Each structure stands twice: as structure tokens, then as C-alpha cells.
Amino acid sequence: MTTPDSVAMPSTCRDDELRQLMRGLLSTIGDKWTLAVVAALVDGELRFSEVQRRVAGISHRMLTKTLRDLERDGLVGRRVHAEVPPRVEYTLTPLGHTLLAPVDGLARWVEEYGHTVLRNRGDRP
């Protein structure tokens, strides 16, 4: 059986530090909510409540955590406006936009092979 630690890494990721980073990033990006939040921010800057409306079912707490994780990694930017009450807006950074191409590639892979995966799982004839 293959474990995350035994999965072959691309040749550019032979360094232990980068391997550890890759596992962490895959965990963040593969999270249930991350890609939905990224998709919500594709069209531009949004307030917290607008992101929450666009990501159906996400709790306030989980959206806060997801945005903090994405901001920590430099994928999302946060801008606080000096108003009363303070207005906070989130946007994809240039680095965050670079995530869209690999995600699109994954979506195309699922379109091409998803039915095969479902058949293998026994979910489809």
C-alpha cells in the first residue's frame, strides 16, 4: 500500500523541506473548502460575507480558517479599509491566480477519467 510519504515526488521536489511543504500544501489545497473559496475570489475582491454567500454551506469559523491559511501561504490577500465598522476585503494574489491552471488541469482529468473511477468504485455500471 502506498502512503503519502512513499509517493514518488516530482524531480523538482527531492529536497526534504520541499517534500514536507508539498504535503502541507496538498493538504491545504485538497481541503473541502479551499478550492470553493478560491473559485469565489476568481472574479475579484470580495468582503467576507460575500465570500460566505458564494460558498454554500461553509461556516463562519471554517471560512475564517480557510482564508487565514490561504493568506498565510500568500494565495489570498486581505485588505482592511479604515472605516467604522472596518471593511475587510479578500482577493486572490498573483500567486493565487497561478493555482487556477493546475486546478483546471485536475478538473479536465476528472472529466476524462471520472466515469472510470466511479466504475472502479462500483458506483456506476
C-alpha atoms as a PDB file:
ATOM      1  CA  MET A   1       0.000   0.000   0.000  1.00  0.00           C
ATOM      2  CA  THR A   2       1.206   3.483  -0.858  1.00  0.00           C
ATOM      3  CA  THR A   3       1.384   6.121   1.848  1.00  0.00           C
ATOM      4  CA  PRO A   4       1.773   9.875   1.328  1.00  0.00           C
ATOM      5  CA  ASP A   5       5.403   9.585   2.410  1.00  0.00           C
ATOM      6  CA  SER A   6       6.163   6.868  -0.135  1.00  0.00           C
ATOM      7  CA  VAL A   7       4.521   8.582  -3.116  1.00  0.00           C
ATOM      8  CA  ALA A   8       7.085   9.489  -5.751  1.00  0.00           C
ATOM      9  CA  MET A   9       7.700  13.219  -5.811  1.00  0.00           C
ATOM     10  CA  PRO A  10       8.443  15.164  -8.986  1.00  0.00           C
ATOM     11  CA  SER A  11      12.144  15.558  -9.719  1.00  0.00           C
ATOM     12  CA  THR A  12      11.931  19.188  -8.592  1.00  0.00           C
ATOM     13  CA  CYS A  13      10.850  18.091  -5.117  1.00  0.00           C
ATOM     14  CA  ARG A  14      13.646  15.847  -3.880  1.00  0.00           C
ATOM     15  CA  ASP A  15      14.608  18.141  -1.005  1.00  0.00           C
ATOM     16  CA  ASP A  16      13.107  17.047   2.365  1.00  0.00           C
ATOM     17  CA  GLU A  17      11.956  20.570   3.181  1.00  0.00           C
ATOM     18  CA  LEU A  18      10.152  20.896  -0.163  1.00  0.00           C
ATOM     19  CA  ARG A  19       8.652  17.424   0.215  1.00  0.00           C
ATOM     20  CA  GLN A  20       7.229  18.418   3.592  1.00  0.00           C
ATOM     21  CA  LEU A  21       5.950  21.696   2.116  1.00  0.00           C
ATOM     22  CA  MET A  22       4.307  19.794  -0.743  1.00  0.00           C
ATOM     23  CA  ARG A  23       2.443  17.533   1.687  1.00  0.00           C
ATOM     24  CA  GLY A  24       1.223  20.554   3.647  1.00  0.00           C
ATOM     25  CA  LEU A  25       0.161  22.459   0.538  1.00  0.00           C
ATOM     26  CA  LEU A  26      -1.646  19.434  -0.870  1.00  0.00           C
ATOM     27  CA  SER A  27      -3.446  19.119   2.450  1.00  0.00           C
ATOM     28  CA  THR A  28      -4.474  22.788   2.328  1.00  0.00           C
ATOM     29  CA  ILE A  29      -5.419  22.811  -1.346  1.00  0.00           C
ATOM     30  CA  GLY A  30      -7.182  19.466  -1.068  1.00  0.00           C
ATOM     31  CA  ASP A  31      -9.273  20.676   1.863  1.00  0.00           C
ATOM     32  CA  LYS A  32     -13.033  20.528   1.396  1.00  0.00           C
ATOM     33  CA  TRP A  33     -13.417  24.332   1.258  1.00  0.00           C
ATOM     34  CA  THR A  34     -10.214  25.771  -0.206  1.00  0.00           C
ATOM     35  CA  LEU A  35     -10.976  25.420  -3.902  1.00  0.00           C
ATOM     36  CA  ALA A  36     -14.516  26.723  -3.395  1.00  0.00           C
ATOM     37  CA  VAL A  37     -13.104  29.835  -1.696  1.00  0.00           C
ATOM     38  CA  VAL A  38     -10.514  30.277  -4.458  1.00  0.00           C
ATOM     39  CA  ALA A  39     -13.276  29.933  -7.074  1.00  0.00           C
ATOM     40  CA  ALA A  40     -15.350  32.565  -5.258  1.00  0.00           C
ATOM     41  CA  LEU A  41     -12.425  35.005  -5.436  1.00  0.00           C
ATOM     42  CA  VAL A  42     -11.668  34.484  -9.136  1.00  0.00           C
ATOM     43  CA  ASP A  43     -13.813  37.445 -10.163  1.00  0.00           C
ATOM     44  CA  GLY A  44     -12.081  39.899  -7.842  1.00  0.00           C
ATOM     45  CA  GLU A  45     -12.106  41.408  -4.383  1.00  0.00           C
ATOM     46  CA  LEU A  46     -14.914  40.350  -2.034  1.00  0.00           C
ATOM     47  CA  ARG A  47     -15.949  41.072   1.518  1.00  0.00           C
ATOM     48  CA  PHE A  48     -16.056  38.175   3.972  1.00  0.00           C
ATOM     49  CA  SER A  49     -19.863  37.992   3.852  1.00  0.00           C
ATOM     50  CA  GLU A  50     -19.825  37.918   0.044  1.00  0.00           C
ATOM     51  CA  VAL A  51     -17.365  35.010   0.036  1.00  0.00           C
ATOM     52  CA  GLN A  52     -19.551  33.196   2.560  1.00  0.00           C
ATOM     53  CA  ARG A  53     -22.645  33.694   0.373  1.00  0.00           C
ATOM     54  CA  ARG A  54     -20.817  32.298  -2.674  1.00  0.00           C
ATOM     55  CA  VAL A  55     -19.514  29.225  -0.825  1.00  0.00           C
ATOM     56  CA  ALA A  56     -22.715  27.430   0.116  1.00  0.00           C
ATOM     57  CA  GLY A  57     -22.604  25.597   3.421  1.00  0.00           C
ATOM     58  CA  ILE A  58     -19.342  26.985   4.792  1.00  0.00           C
ATOM     59  CA  SER A  59     -19.477  28.113   8.414  1.00  0.00           C
ATOM     60  CA  HIS A  60     -18.099  31.436   9.638  1.00  0.00           C
ATOM     61  CA  ARG A  61     -15.396  29.599  11.585  1.00  0.00           C
ATOM     62  CA  MET A  62     -14.327  27.428   8.623  1.00  0.00           C
ATOM     63  CA  LEU A  63     -14.258  30.365   6.213  1.00  0.00           C
ATOM     64  CA  THR A  64     -12.106  32.296   8.675  1.00  0.00           C
ATOM     65  CA  LYS A  65      -9.679  29.363   8.963  1.00  0.00           C
ATOM     66  CA  THR A  66      -9.572  28.789   5.206  1.00  0.00           C
ATOM     67  CA  LEU A  67      -8.930  32.458   4.426  1.00  0.00           C
ATOM     68  CA  ARG A  68      -6.206  32.623   7.111  1.00  0.00           C
ATOM     69  CA  ASP A  69      -4.492  29.525   5.684  1.00  0.00           C
ATOM     70  CA  LEU A  70      -4.648  30.925   2.141  1.00  0.00           C
ATOM     71  CA  GLU A  71      -3.386  34.299   3.327  1.00  0.00           C
ATOM     72  CA  ARG A  72      -0.541  32.635   5.279  1.00  0.00           C
ATOM     73  CA  ASP A  73       0.585  30.872   2.100  1.00  0.00           C
ATOM     74  CA  GLY A  74       0.340  34.058   0.028  1.00  0.00           C
ATOM     75  CA  LEU A  75      -2.538  32.823  -2.152  1.00  0.00           C
ATOM     76  CA  VAL A  76      -5.083  35.340  -0.856  1.00  0.00           C
ATOM     77  CA  GLY A  77      -4.604  38.968   0.043  1.00  0.00           C
ATOM     78  CA  ARG A  78      -6.530  40.760   2.787  1.00  0.00           C
ATOM     79  CA  ARG A  79      -7.165  44.493   2.732  1.00  0.00           C
ATOM     80  CA  VAL A  80      -8.595  46.361   5.720  1.00  0.00           C
ATOM     81  CA  HIS A  81     -10.276  49.701   4.990  1.00  0.00           C
ATOM     82  CA  ALA A  82     -10.069  52.332   7.724  1.00  0.00           C
ATOM     83  CA  GLU A  83     -13.802  52.758   8.212  1.00  0.00           C
ATOM     84  CA  VAL A  84     -16.232  52.318  11.071  1.00  0.00           C
ATOM     85  CA  PRO A  85     -17.040  49.478  11.145  1.00  0.00           C
ATOM     86  CA  PRO A  86     -13.859  48.261   9.449  1.00  0.00           C
ATOM     87  CA  ARG A  87     -14.388  46.788   5.993  1.00  0.00           C
ATOM     88  CA  VAL A  88     -12.179  43.814   5.074  1.00  0.00           C
ATOM     89  CA  GLU A  89     -11.861  42.535   1.529  1.00  0.00           C
ATOM     90  CA  TYR A  90     -10.138  39.442   0.176  1.00  0.00           C
ATOM     91  CA  THR A  91      -8.654  38.821  -3.244  1.00  0.00           C
ATOM     92  CA  LEU A  92      -6.521  36.241  -4.998  1.00  0.00           C
ATOM     93  CA  THR A  93      -2.894  37.299  -5.172  1.00  0.00           C
ATOM     94  CA  PRO A  94      -0.854  36.794  -8.333  1.00  0.00           C
ATOM     95  CA  LEU A  95       0.427  33.583  -6.697  1.00  0.00           C
ATOM     96  CA  GLY A  96      -3.176  32.537  -6.008  1.00  0.00           C
ATOM     97  CA  HIS A  97      -4.023  33.022  -9.680  1.00  0.00           C
ATOM     98  CA  THR A  98      -1.235  30.588 -10.625  1.00  0.00           C
ATOM     99  CA  LEU A  99      -3.185  27.885  -8.780  1.00  0.00           C
ATOM    100  CA  LEU A 100      -6.035  28.127 -11.301  1.00  0.00           C
ATOM    101  CA  ALA A 101      -4.198  26.351 -14.153  1.00  0.00           C
ATOM    102  CA  PRO A 102      -3.335  23.187 -12.163  1.00  0.00           C
ATOM    103  CA  VAL A 103      -6.859  23.092 -10.724  1.00  0.00           C
ATOM    104  CA  ASP A 104      -8.254  23.385 -14.244  1.00  0.00           C
ATOM    105  CA  GLY A 105      -5.976  20.508 -15.267  1.00  0.00           C
ATOM    106  CA  LEU A 106      -7.338  18.399 -12.416  1.00  0.00           C
ATOM    107  CA  ALA A 107     -10.921  19.265 -13.424  1.00  0.00           C
ATOM    108  CA  ARG A 108     -10.168  18.189 -17.025  1.00  0.00           C
ATOM    109  CA  TRP A 109      -8.663  14.934 -15.705  1.00  0.00           C
ATOM    110  CA  VAL A 110     -11.839  14.250 -13.703  1.00  0.00           C
ATOM    111  CA  GLU A 111     -13.979  14.952 -16.774  1.00  0.00           C
ATOM    112  CA  GLU A 112     -11.918  12.497 -18.801  1.00  0.00           C
ATOM    113  CA  TYR A 113     -11.432   9.740 -16.204  1.00  0.00           C
ATOM    114  CA  GLY A 114     -14.107  10.350 -13.583  1.00  0.00           C
ATOM    115  CA  HIS A 115     -16.511   7.766 -15.008  1.00  0.00           C
ATOM    116  CA  THR A 116     -13.732   5.175 -14.907  1.00  0.00           C
ATOM    117  CA  VAL A 117     -13.055   5.991 -11.256  1.00  0.00           C
ATOM    118  CA  LEU A 118     -16.773   5.676 -10.468  1.00  0.00           C
ATOM    119  CA  ARG A 119     -16.909   2.295 -12.241  1.00  0.00           C
ATOM    120  CA  ASN A 120     -13.877   1.144 -10.263  1.00  0.00           C
ATOM    121  CA  ARG A 121     -15.632   2.161  -7.064  1.00  0.00           C
ATOM    122  CA  GLY A 122     -18.724   0.260  -8.142  1.00  0.00           C
ATOM    123  CA  ASP A 123     -20.791   3.468  -8.191  1.00  0.00           C
ATOM    124  CA  ARG A 124     -21.646   3.185 -11.902  1.00  0.00           C
ATOM    125  CA  PRO A 125     -22.211   0.346 -14.353  1.00  0.00           C
END
